[in-house]
N, C-alpha and C. Protein backbone atom coordinates (compact mmCIF):
# COMPACT_ATOMS: atom_id res chain seq x y z
N MET A 1 -7.90 4.47 -19.51
CA MET A 1 -8.07 4.04 -18.13
C MET A 1 -6.80 3.30 -17.70
N GLU A 2 -6.37 3.55 -16.50
CA GLU A 2 -5.19 2.87 -15.98
C GLU A 2 -5.63 1.72 -15.10
N TRP A 3 -4.87 0.63 -15.18
CA TRP A 3 -5.22 -0.58 -14.45
C TRP A 3 -4.15 -0.88 -13.41
N ASP A 4 -4.59 -1.32 -12.24
CA ASP A 4 -3.71 -1.72 -11.15
C ASP A 4 -3.00 -3.01 -11.56
N THR A 5 -1.69 -2.96 -11.60
CA THR A 5 -0.93 -4.13 -12.03
C THR A 5 -0.88 -5.23 -10.97
N GLY A 6 -1.37 -4.95 -9.78
CA GLY A 6 -1.37 -5.95 -8.71
C GLY A 6 -2.58 -6.86 -8.73
N GLU A 7 -3.53 -6.60 -9.63
CA GLU A 7 -4.75 -7.41 -9.69
C GLU A 7 -5.05 -7.72 -11.15
N TYR A 8 -5.67 -8.87 -11.40
CA TYR A 8 -6.02 -9.23 -12.77
C TYR A 8 -6.89 -8.13 -13.39
N VAL A 9 -6.60 -7.78 -14.63
CA VAL A 9 -7.34 -6.72 -15.31
C VAL A 9 -8.80 -7.12 -15.49
N TRP A 10 -9.08 -8.40 -15.77
CA TRP A 10 -10.49 -8.81 -15.96
C TRP A 10 -11.30 -8.58 -14.69
N LYS A 11 -10.67 -8.74 -13.51
CA LYS A 11 -11.38 -8.49 -12.25
C LYS A 11 -11.67 -7.00 -12.10
N GLN A 12 -10.72 -6.17 -12.53
CA GLN A 12 -10.93 -4.73 -12.46
C GLN A 12 -12.03 -4.30 -13.44
N VAL A 13 -12.06 -4.92 -14.62
CA VAL A 13 -13.10 -4.63 -15.59
C VAL A 13 -14.47 -5.04 -15.03
N ALA A 14 -14.53 -6.20 -14.39
CA ALA A 14 -15.78 -6.64 -13.76
C ALA A 14 -16.23 -5.63 -12.71
N ASP A 15 -15.29 -5.09 -11.95
CA ASP A 15 -15.62 -4.07 -10.95
C ASP A 15 -16.16 -2.80 -11.60
N VAL A 16 -15.61 -2.42 -12.75
CA VAL A 16 -16.09 -1.24 -13.47
C VAL A 16 -17.54 -1.48 -13.91
N ILE A 17 -17.82 -2.65 -14.45
CA ILE A 17 -19.18 -2.96 -14.89
C ILE A 17 -20.14 -2.96 -13.70
N ARG A 18 -19.73 -3.59 -12.60
CA ARG A 18 -20.56 -3.58 -11.38
C ARG A 18 -20.84 -2.15 -10.92
N GLN A 19 -19.83 -1.30 -10.95
CA GLN A 19 -20.01 0.08 -10.51
C GLN A 19 -20.97 0.83 -11.42
N ARG A 20 -20.87 0.57 -12.71
CA ARG A 20 -21.79 1.22 -13.66
C ARG A 20 -23.23 0.76 -13.43
N ILE A 21 -23.40 -0.49 -13.04
CA ILE A 21 -24.73 -0.98 -12.70
C ILE A 21 -25.22 -0.28 -11.45
N LYS A 22 -24.37 -0.22 -10.43
CA LYS A 22 -24.73 0.43 -9.17
C LYS A 22 -25.08 1.90 -9.38
N ASP A 23 -24.34 2.57 -10.27
CA ASP A 23 -24.57 3.99 -10.54
C ASP A 23 -25.78 4.25 -11.44
N GLY A 24 -26.36 3.17 -11.99
CA GLY A 24 -27.52 3.33 -12.85
C GLY A 24 -27.19 3.56 -14.32
N GLN A 25 -25.91 3.51 -14.66
CA GLN A 25 -25.52 3.68 -16.05
C GLN A 25 -25.99 2.49 -16.88
N TYR A 26 -25.94 1.29 -16.31
CA TYR A 26 -26.49 0.08 -16.92
C TYR A 26 -27.66 -0.34 -16.03
N ARG A 27 -28.85 -0.35 -16.60
CA ARG A 27 -30.06 -0.63 -15.81
C ARG A 27 -30.52 -2.08 -15.95
N PRO A 28 -31.26 -2.57 -14.95
CA PRO A 28 -31.77 -3.95 -15.01
C PRO A 28 -32.55 -4.21 -16.30
N ARG A 29 -32.33 -5.40 -16.83
CA ARG A 29 -32.99 -5.90 -18.04
C ARG A 29 -32.66 -5.10 -19.29
N THR A 30 -31.58 -4.33 -19.26
CA THR A 30 -31.12 -3.63 -20.46
C THR A 30 -29.75 -4.18 -20.84
N PRO A 31 -29.42 -4.11 -22.13
CA PRO A 31 -28.13 -4.67 -22.55
C PRO A 31 -26.96 -3.78 -22.16
N ILE A 32 -25.85 -4.42 -21.88
CA ILE A 32 -24.60 -3.67 -21.70
C ILE A 32 -23.99 -3.49 -23.09
N PRO A 33 -23.03 -2.59 -23.25
CA PRO A 33 -22.39 -2.43 -24.56
C PRO A 33 -21.72 -3.72 -25.02
N SER A 34 -21.49 -3.81 -26.32
CA SER A 34 -20.85 -4.99 -26.91
C SER A 34 -19.43 -5.15 -26.39
N GLU A 35 -18.90 -6.36 -26.54
CA GLU A 35 -17.51 -6.63 -26.14
C GLU A 35 -16.56 -5.68 -26.85
N ILE A 36 -16.78 -5.48 -28.14
CA ILE A 36 -15.89 -4.61 -28.92
C ILE A 36 -15.92 -3.19 -28.37
N ARG A 37 -17.12 -2.68 -28.12
CA ARG A 37 -17.25 -1.31 -27.62
C ARG A 37 -16.61 -1.16 -26.23
N LEU A 38 -16.87 -2.12 -25.35
CA LEU A 38 -16.26 -2.06 -24.01
C LEU A 38 -14.75 -2.16 -24.09
N ALA A 39 -14.25 -3.04 -24.94
CA ALA A 39 -12.79 -3.21 -25.09
C ALA A 39 -12.15 -1.90 -25.56
N GLU A 40 -12.77 -1.26 -26.54
CA GLU A 40 -12.23 0.01 -27.05
C GLU A 40 -12.31 1.10 -25.98
N GLU A 41 -13.44 1.18 -25.31
CA GLU A 41 -13.67 2.21 -24.29
C GLU A 41 -12.69 2.07 -23.11
N LEU A 42 -12.46 0.83 -22.69
CA LEU A 42 -11.62 0.58 -21.51
C LEU A 42 -10.15 0.34 -21.86
N GLY A 43 -9.86 0.19 -23.14
CA GLY A 43 -8.47 0.00 -23.57
C GLY A 43 -7.90 -1.36 -23.21
N VAL A 44 -8.76 -2.39 -23.31
CA VAL A 44 -8.32 -3.75 -23.01
C VAL A 44 -8.69 -4.67 -24.17
N ALA A 45 -8.20 -5.90 -24.14
CA ALA A 45 -8.50 -6.88 -25.18
C ALA A 45 -9.92 -7.42 -25.01
N LYS A 46 -10.52 -7.86 -26.13
CA LYS A 46 -11.86 -8.45 -26.08
C LYS A 46 -11.89 -9.67 -25.16
N GLY A 47 -10.81 -10.43 -25.12
CA GLY A 47 -10.75 -11.59 -24.24
C GLY A 47 -10.87 -11.21 -22.77
N THR A 48 -10.34 -10.06 -22.43
CA THR A 48 -10.44 -9.55 -21.05
C THR A 48 -11.90 -9.23 -20.73
N ILE A 49 -12.58 -8.62 -21.68
CA ILE A 49 -14.01 -8.30 -21.49
C ILE A 49 -14.80 -9.60 -21.35
N ARG A 50 -14.50 -10.58 -22.22
CA ARG A 50 -15.20 -11.87 -22.17
C ARG A 50 -15.06 -12.53 -20.80
N LYS A 51 -13.85 -12.50 -20.26
CA LYS A 51 -13.59 -13.12 -18.95
C LYS A 51 -14.37 -12.39 -17.85
N ALA A 52 -14.38 -11.06 -17.90
CA ALA A 52 -15.11 -10.28 -16.90
C ALA A 52 -16.61 -10.55 -16.99
N VAL A 53 -17.14 -10.58 -18.21
CA VAL A 53 -18.57 -10.83 -18.41
C VAL A 53 -18.93 -12.24 -17.96
N ALA A 54 -18.08 -13.22 -18.27
CA ALA A 54 -18.34 -14.59 -17.84
C ALA A 54 -18.40 -14.68 -16.32
N HIS A 55 -17.49 -13.99 -15.66
CA HIS A 55 -17.47 -13.96 -14.20
C HIS A 55 -18.77 -13.36 -13.66
N LEU A 56 -19.21 -12.26 -14.26
CA LEU A 56 -20.43 -11.60 -13.80
C LEU A 56 -21.68 -12.43 -14.12
N ARG A 57 -21.64 -13.20 -15.20
CA ARG A 57 -22.75 -14.12 -15.50
C ARG A 57 -22.83 -15.20 -14.43
N GLU A 58 -21.68 -15.77 -14.09
CA GLU A 58 -21.64 -16.81 -13.05
C GLU A 58 -22.14 -16.29 -11.72
N ALA A 59 -21.90 -15.01 -11.45
CA ALA A 59 -22.33 -14.39 -10.20
C ALA A 59 -23.80 -13.97 -10.24
N GLY A 60 -24.44 -14.09 -11.42
CA GLY A 60 -25.85 -13.72 -11.54
C GLY A 60 -26.09 -12.24 -11.78
N VAL A 61 -25.03 -11.49 -12.00
CA VAL A 61 -25.15 -10.04 -12.23
C VAL A 61 -25.61 -9.76 -13.66
N LEU A 62 -25.16 -10.59 -14.59
CA LEU A 62 -25.50 -10.45 -16.01
C LEU A 62 -26.07 -11.76 -16.52
N TYR A 63 -26.79 -11.70 -17.63
CA TYR A 63 -27.22 -12.90 -18.34
C TYR A 63 -27.16 -12.61 -19.84
N THR A 64 -26.97 -13.65 -20.63
CA THR A 64 -26.83 -13.49 -22.07
C THR A 64 -27.94 -14.24 -22.78
N LEU A 65 -28.53 -13.57 -23.76
CA LEU A 65 -29.52 -14.18 -24.64
C LEU A 65 -28.89 -14.32 -26.01
N PRO A 66 -28.84 -15.54 -26.55
CA PRO A 66 -28.22 -15.74 -27.86
C PRO A 66 -28.79 -14.80 -28.91
N GLN A 67 -27.93 -14.20 -29.67
CA GLN A 67 -28.23 -13.29 -30.76
C GLN A 67 -28.94 -12.01 -30.32
N LYS A 68 -28.99 -11.75 -29.01
CA LYS A 68 -29.62 -10.53 -28.51
C LYS A 68 -28.65 -9.68 -27.70
N GLY A 69 -27.75 -10.33 -26.96
CA GLY A 69 -26.78 -9.58 -26.19
C GLY A 69 -26.71 -10.02 -24.75
N THR A 70 -25.96 -9.24 -23.98
CA THR A 70 -25.78 -9.50 -22.55
C THR A 70 -26.51 -8.40 -21.79
N PHE A 71 -27.30 -8.82 -20.82
CA PHE A 71 -28.19 -7.91 -20.10
C PHE A 71 -27.87 -7.90 -18.60
N VAL A 72 -28.28 -6.82 -17.94
CA VAL A 72 -28.15 -6.69 -16.50
C VAL A 72 -29.32 -7.44 -15.86
N SER A 73 -29.01 -8.30 -14.90
CA SER A 73 -30.05 -9.02 -14.17
C SER A 73 -30.83 -8.06 -13.29
N ALA A 74 -32.09 -8.38 -13.06
CA ALA A 74 -32.91 -7.58 -12.16
C ALA A 74 -32.43 -7.79 -10.73
N PRO A 75 -32.50 -6.76 -9.89
CA PRO A 75 -32.09 -6.92 -8.50
C PRO A 75 -32.89 -8.02 -7.80
N GLY A 76 -32.19 -8.86 -7.07
CA GLY A 76 -32.84 -9.92 -6.31
C GLY A 76 -33.20 -11.14 -7.13
N SER A 77 -32.93 -11.11 -8.44
CA SER A 77 -33.25 -12.27 -9.27
C SER A 77 -32.11 -13.26 -9.24
N GLN A 78 -32.39 -14.48 -9.61
CA GLN A 78 -31.36 -15.50 -9.70
C GLN A 78 -30.93 -15.62 -11.15
N ALA A 79 -29.70 -15.98 -11.37
CA ALA A 79 -29.17 -16.14 -12.73
C ALA A 79 -30.07 -17.05 -13.54
N GLY A 80 -30.37 -16.62 -14.76
CA GLY A 80 -31.16 -17.42 -15.66
C GLY A 80 -32.65 -17.16 -15.58
N HIS A 81 -33.14 -16.56 -14.51
CA HIS A 81 -34.56 -16.35 -14.35
C HIS A 81 -35.06 -15.13 -15.11
N ASP A 82 -34.18 -14.25 -15.52
CA ASP A 82 -34.58 -13.07 -16.26
C ASP A 82 -34.79 -13.36 -17.73
N GLU A 83 -34.28 -14.47 -18.21
CA GLU A 83 -34.33 -14.74 -19.63
C GLU A 83 -35.76 -14.75 -20.16
N ASP A 84 -36.73 -15.18 -19.36
CA ASP A 84 -38.12 -15.23 -19.81
C ASP A 84 -38.71 -13.84 -19.97
N THR A 85 -38.25 -12.88 -19.20
CA THR A 85 -38.84 -11.54 -19.23
C THR A 85 -38.02 -10.56 -20.03
N ALA A 86 -36.82 -10.91 -20.46
CA ALA A 86 -35.95 -9.97 -21.15
C ALA A 86 -36.50 -9.55 -22.50
N ALA A 87 -37.25 -10.40 -23.14
CA ALA A 87 -37.76 -10.08 -24.47
C ALA A 87 -39.01 -9.21 -24.42
N GLU A 88 -39.57 -8.98 -23.24
CA GLU A 88 -40.79 -8.19 -23.12
C GLU A 88 -40.57 -6.75 -23.48
């Protein structure tokens, strides 16, 4: 994948993840691929993936459950509110 040098790569990675959610590739309450897998797939460093995921968590798009992974938030939910239902 080629990255626009005029914008931070982590922002572009966040946009890719958002687009995959919009396209239904990553569905609500399901985990996204691991940092390692995303880094290999997109050809970027794990730190870049971490920054993009952190940004999307802050925006309420994703949430992380310790030792379980990072999941797509349900549409219309607020950050942190999906954690109770993610294990169902």
